[in-house]
C-alpha atoms as a PDB file:
ATOM      1  CA  UNK A   1     -13.548  71.198-124.632  1.00  0.00           C
ATOM      2  CA  UNK A   2     -11.991  74.065-126.437  1.00  0.00           C
ATOM      3  CA  UNK A   3     -13.813  72.695-129.698  1.00  0.00           C
ATOM      4  CA  UNK A   4     -17.126  72.349-127.920  1.00  0.00           C
ATOM      5  CA  UNK A   5     -16.894  75.849-126.126  1.00  0.00           C
ATOM      6  CA  UNK A   6     -15.987  77.490-129.414  1.00  0.00           C
ATOM      7  CA  UNK A   7     -18.053  75.519-132.171  1.00  0.00           C
ATOM      8  CA  UNK A   8     -21.447  74.819-130.170  1.00  0.00           C
ATOM      9  CA  UNK A   9     -21.070  76.984-126.926  1.00  0.00           C
ATOM     10  CA  UNK A  10     -20.781  74.196-124.584  1.00  0.00           C
ATOM     11  CA  UNK A  11     -18.478  73.083-121.967  1.00  0.00           C
ATOM     12  CA  UNK A  12     -18.194  70.972-118.872  1.00  0.00           C
ATOM     13  CA  UNK A  13     -15.551  70.358-116.219  1.00  0.00           C
ATOM     14  CA  UNK A  14     -15.034  69.104-112.480  1.00  0.00           C
ATOM     15  CA  UNK A  15     -14.652  71.530-109.713  1.00  0.00           C
ATOM     16  CA  UNK A  16     -13.287  70.785-106.193  1.00  0.00           C
ATOM     17  CA  UNK A  17     -14.882  73.018-103.703  1.00  0.00           C
ATOM     18  CA  UNK A  18     -13.256  73.867-100.205  1.00  0.00           C
ATOM     19  CA  UNK A  19     -14.672  70.896 -98.356  1.00  0.00           C
ATOM     20  CA  UNK A  20     -13.028  68.464-100.946  1.00  0.00           C
ATOM     21  CA  UNK A  21     -16.211  67.402-102.696  1.00  0.00           C
ATOM     22  CA  UNK A  22     -16.243  67.023-106.276  1.00  0.00           C
ATOM     23  CA  UNK A  23     -18.858  68.962-108.378  1.00  0.00           C
ATOM     24  CA  UNK A  24     -19.361  68.387-111.917  1.00  0.00           C
ATOM     25  CA  UNK A  25     -20.178  72.053-113.787  1.00  0.00           C
ATOM     26  CA  UNK A  26     -21.963  71.825-117.107  1.00  0.00           C
ATOM     27  CA  UNK A  27     -22.648  74.947-118.878  1.00  0.00           C
ATOM     28  CA  UNK A  28     -24.337  76.112-122.166  1.00  0.00           C
ATOM     29  CA  UNK A  29     -23.952  79.272-123.896  1.00  0.00           C
ATOM     30  CA  UNK A  30     -27.441  80.608-125.163  1.00  0.00           C
ATOM     31  CA  UNK A  31     -27.382  81.763-128.945  1.00  0.00           C
ATOM     32  CA  UNK A  32     -30.512  83.054-130.456  1.00  0.00           C
ATOM     33  CA  UNK A  33     -29.527  82.518-133.959  1.00  0.00           C
ATOM     34  CA  UNK A  34     -26.850  80.457-135.472  1.00  0.00           C
ATOM     35  CA  UNK A  35     -25.399  81.417-138.803  1.00  0.00           C
ATOM     36  CA  UNK A  36     -25.110  78.832-141.614  1.00  0.00           C
ATOM     37  CA  UNK A  37     -21.583  78.165-141.273  1.00  0.00           C
ATOM     38  CA  UNK A  38     -21.675  77.853-137.441  1.00  0.00           C
ATOM     39  CA  UNK A  39     -24.612  75.345-137.959  1.00  0.00           C
ATOM     40  CA  UNK A  40     -22.493  73.277-140.449  1.00  0.00           C
ATOM     41  CA  UNK A  41     -19.621  73.420-137.909  1.00  0.00           C
ATOM     42  CA  UNK A  42     -21.976  72.488-135.024  1.00  0.00           C
ATOM     43  CA  UNK A  43     -23.028  69.317-137.306  1.00  0.00           C
ATOM     44  CA  UNK A  44     -19.438  68.453-137.683  1.00  0.00           C
ATOM     45  CA  UNK A  45     -18.617  68.711-134.162  1.00  0.00           C
ATOM     46  CA  UNK A  46     -21.738  66.260-133.018  1.00  0.00           C
ATOM     47  CA  UNK A  47     -21.000  64.072-135.840  1.00  0.00           C
ATOM     48  CA  UNK A  48     -17.423  63.484-134.773  1.00  0.00           C
ATOM     49  CA  UNK A  49     -18.351  63.256-131.220  1.00  0.00           C
ATOM     50  CA  UNK A  50     -20.915  60.542-131.988  1.00  0.00           C
ATOM     51  CA  UNK A  51     -18.854  58.576-134.537  1.00  0.00           C
ATOM     52  CA  UNK A  52     -15.504  58.302-132.136  1.00  0.00           C
ATOM     53  CA  UNK A  53     -17.336  56.072-129.640  1.00  0.00           C
ATOM     54  CA  UNK A  54     -18.650  53.824-132.577  1.00  0.00           C
ATOM     55  CA  UNK A  55     -15.035  53.545-133.965  1.00  0.00           C
ATOM     56  CA  UNK A  56     -13.577  52.489-130.556  1.00  0.00           C
ATOM     57  CA  UNK A  57     -16.443  49.857-130.293  1.00  0.00           C
ATOM     58  CA  UNK A  58     -15.245  48.662-133.798  1.00  0.00           C
ATOM     59  CA  UNK A  59     -11.790  48.522-132.475  1.00  0.00           C
ATOM     60  CA  UNK A  60     -13.130  46.576-129.235  1.00  0.00           C
ATOM     61  CA  UNK A  61     -14.759  43.872-131.284  1.00  0.00           C
ATOM     62  CA  UNK A  62     -11.714  43.349-133.543  1.00  0.00           C
ATOM     63  CA  UNK A  63      -9.225  43.324-130.919  1.00  0.00           C
ATOM     64  CA  UNK A  64     -11.458  40.783-128.925  1.00  0.00           C
ATOM     65  CA  UNK A  65     -12.159  38.662-132.067  1.00  0.00           C
ATOM     66  CA  UNK A  66      -8.618  38.682-133.322  1.00  0.00           C
ATOM     67  CA  UNK A  67      -7.267  37.884-129.755  1.00  0.00           C
ATOM     68  CA  UNK A  68      -4.985  40.828-129.472  1.00  0.00           C
ATOM     69  CA  UNK A  69      -5.852  40.846-125.891  1.00  0.00           C
ATOM     70  CA  UNK A  70      -2.734  43.329-125.270  1.00  0.00           C
ATOM     71  CA  UNK A  71      -4.384  46.144-126.997  1.00  0.00           C
ATOM     72  CA  UNK A  72      -7.767  45.620-125.362  1.00  0.00           C
ATOM     73  CA  UNK A  73      -6.942  47.809-122.100  1.00  0.00           C
ATOM     74  CA  UNK A  74      -6.072  50.903-124.543  1.00  0.00           C
ATOM     75  CA  UNK A  75      -9.395  50.186-126.407  1.00  0.00           C
ATOM     76  CA  UNK A  76     -11.452  50.142-123.260  1.00  0.00           C
ATOM     77  CA  UNK A  77      -9.885  53.205-122.181  1.00  0.00           C
ATOM     78  CA  UNK A  78     -10.544  54.851-125.354  1.00  0.00           C
ATOM     79  CA  UNK A  79     -14.254  53.711-125.349  1.00  0.00           C
ATOM     80  CA  UNK A  80     -14.743  54.929-121.798  1.00  0.00           C
ATOM     81  CA  UNK A  81     -13.038  58.470-122.433  1.00  0.00           C
ATOM     82  CA  UNK A  82     -14.915  59.043-125.545  1.00  0.00           C
ATOM     83  CA  UNK A  83     -18.197  57.863-123.919  1.00  0.00           C
ATOM     84  CA  UNK A  84     -17.570  60.287-120.990  1.00  0.00           C
ATOM     85  CA  UNK A  85     -16.962  63.203-123.275  1.00  0.00           C
ATOM     86  CA  UNK A  86     -20.071  62.267-125.156  1.00  0.00           C
ATOM     87  CA  UNK A  87     -22.238  62.270-122.018  1.00  0.00           C
ATOM     88  CA  UNK A  88     -20.776  65.640-120.823  1.00  0.00           C
ATOM     89  CA  UNK A  89     -21.712  67.299-123.809  1.00  0.00           C
ATOM     90  CA  UNK A  90     -25.302  66.007-124.241  1.00  0.00           C
ATOM     91  CA  UNK A  91     -25.615  66.582-120.705  1.00  0.00           C
ATOM     92  CA  UNK A  92     -24.516  70.488-121.335  1.00  0.00           C
ATOM     93  CA  UNK A  93     -26.805  70.447-124.408  1.00  0.00           C
ATOM     94  CA  UNK A  94     -29.996  69.229-122.558  1.00  0.00           C
ATOM     95  CA  UNK A  95     -29.592  70.396-119.035  1.00  0.00           C
ATOM     96  CA  UNK A  96     -26.688  73.155-118.750  1.00  0.00           C
ATOM     97  CA  UNK A  97     -28.145  75.191-115.866  1.00  0.00           C
ATOM     98  CA  UNK A  98     -25.528  77.997-116.206  1.00  0.00           C
ATOM     99  CA  UNK A  99     -24.740  80.369-119.058  1.00  0.00           C
ATOM    100  CA  UNK A 100     -21.416  80.994-120.294  1.00  0.00           C
ATOM    101  CA  UNK A 101     -22.189  84.598-120.565  1.00  0.00           C
ATOM    102  CA  UNK A 102     -23.304  84.908-117.174  1.00  0.00           C
ATOM    103  CA  UNK A 103     -20.379  83.495-115.692  1.00  0.00           C
ATOM    104  CA  UNK A 104     -17.877  85.659-117.837  1.00  0.00           C
ATOM    105  CA  UNK A 105     -19.976  88.867-117.248  1.00  0.00           C
ATOM    106  CA  UNK A 106     -19.686  88.064-113.466  1.00  0.00           C
ATOM    107  CA  UNK A 107     -15.991  87.521-113.736  1.00  0.00           C
ATOM    108  CA  UNK A 108     -15.483  90.958-115.500  1.00  0.00           C
ATOM    109  CA  UNK A 109     -17.568  92.705-113.151  1.00  0.00           C
ATOM    110  CA  UNK A 110     -15.605  91.388-110.123  1.00  0.00           C
ATOM    111  CA  UNK A 111     -12.451  92.474-111.963  1.00  0.00           C
ATOM    112  CA  UNK A 112     -13.601  95.902-112.687  1.00  0.00           C
ATOM    113  CA  UNK A 113     -14.687  96.239-108.849  1.00  0.00           C
ATOM    114  CA  UNK A 114     -11.207  95.115-107.949  1.00  0.00           C
ATOM    115  CA  UNK A 115      -9.523  97.673-110.411  1.00  0.00           C
ATOM    116  CA  UNK A 116     -11.574 100.521-108.845  1.00  0.00           C
ATOM    117  CA  UNK A 117     -10.540  99.618-105.260  1.00  0.00           C
ATOM    118  CA  UNK A 118      -6.911 100.476-106.507  1.00  0.00           C
END
């Protein structure tokens, strides 16, 4: 999640409210212009994010066809975790509702208000 936040301005996490309900939060930082080096880094990020589930799928078929079934649980876990990570970042990219800058500015405003009370 740190690489996604730094390279492409996306992050996502699970938050549990006071009622005990689980909420997924997807954020996308809005950047008006992207430098050439940042664009190259973003392409590397997305390429790595897409390639990893493909590699785990190759591992799945190789363990299945070579009958090394003891490794199958690990490969299935790898596929599911990488696919969930890919889904989270795609959801951030396409439908991130909140902006990271809004949340950080709200955090600093509340911190300044708390300091001024003392």
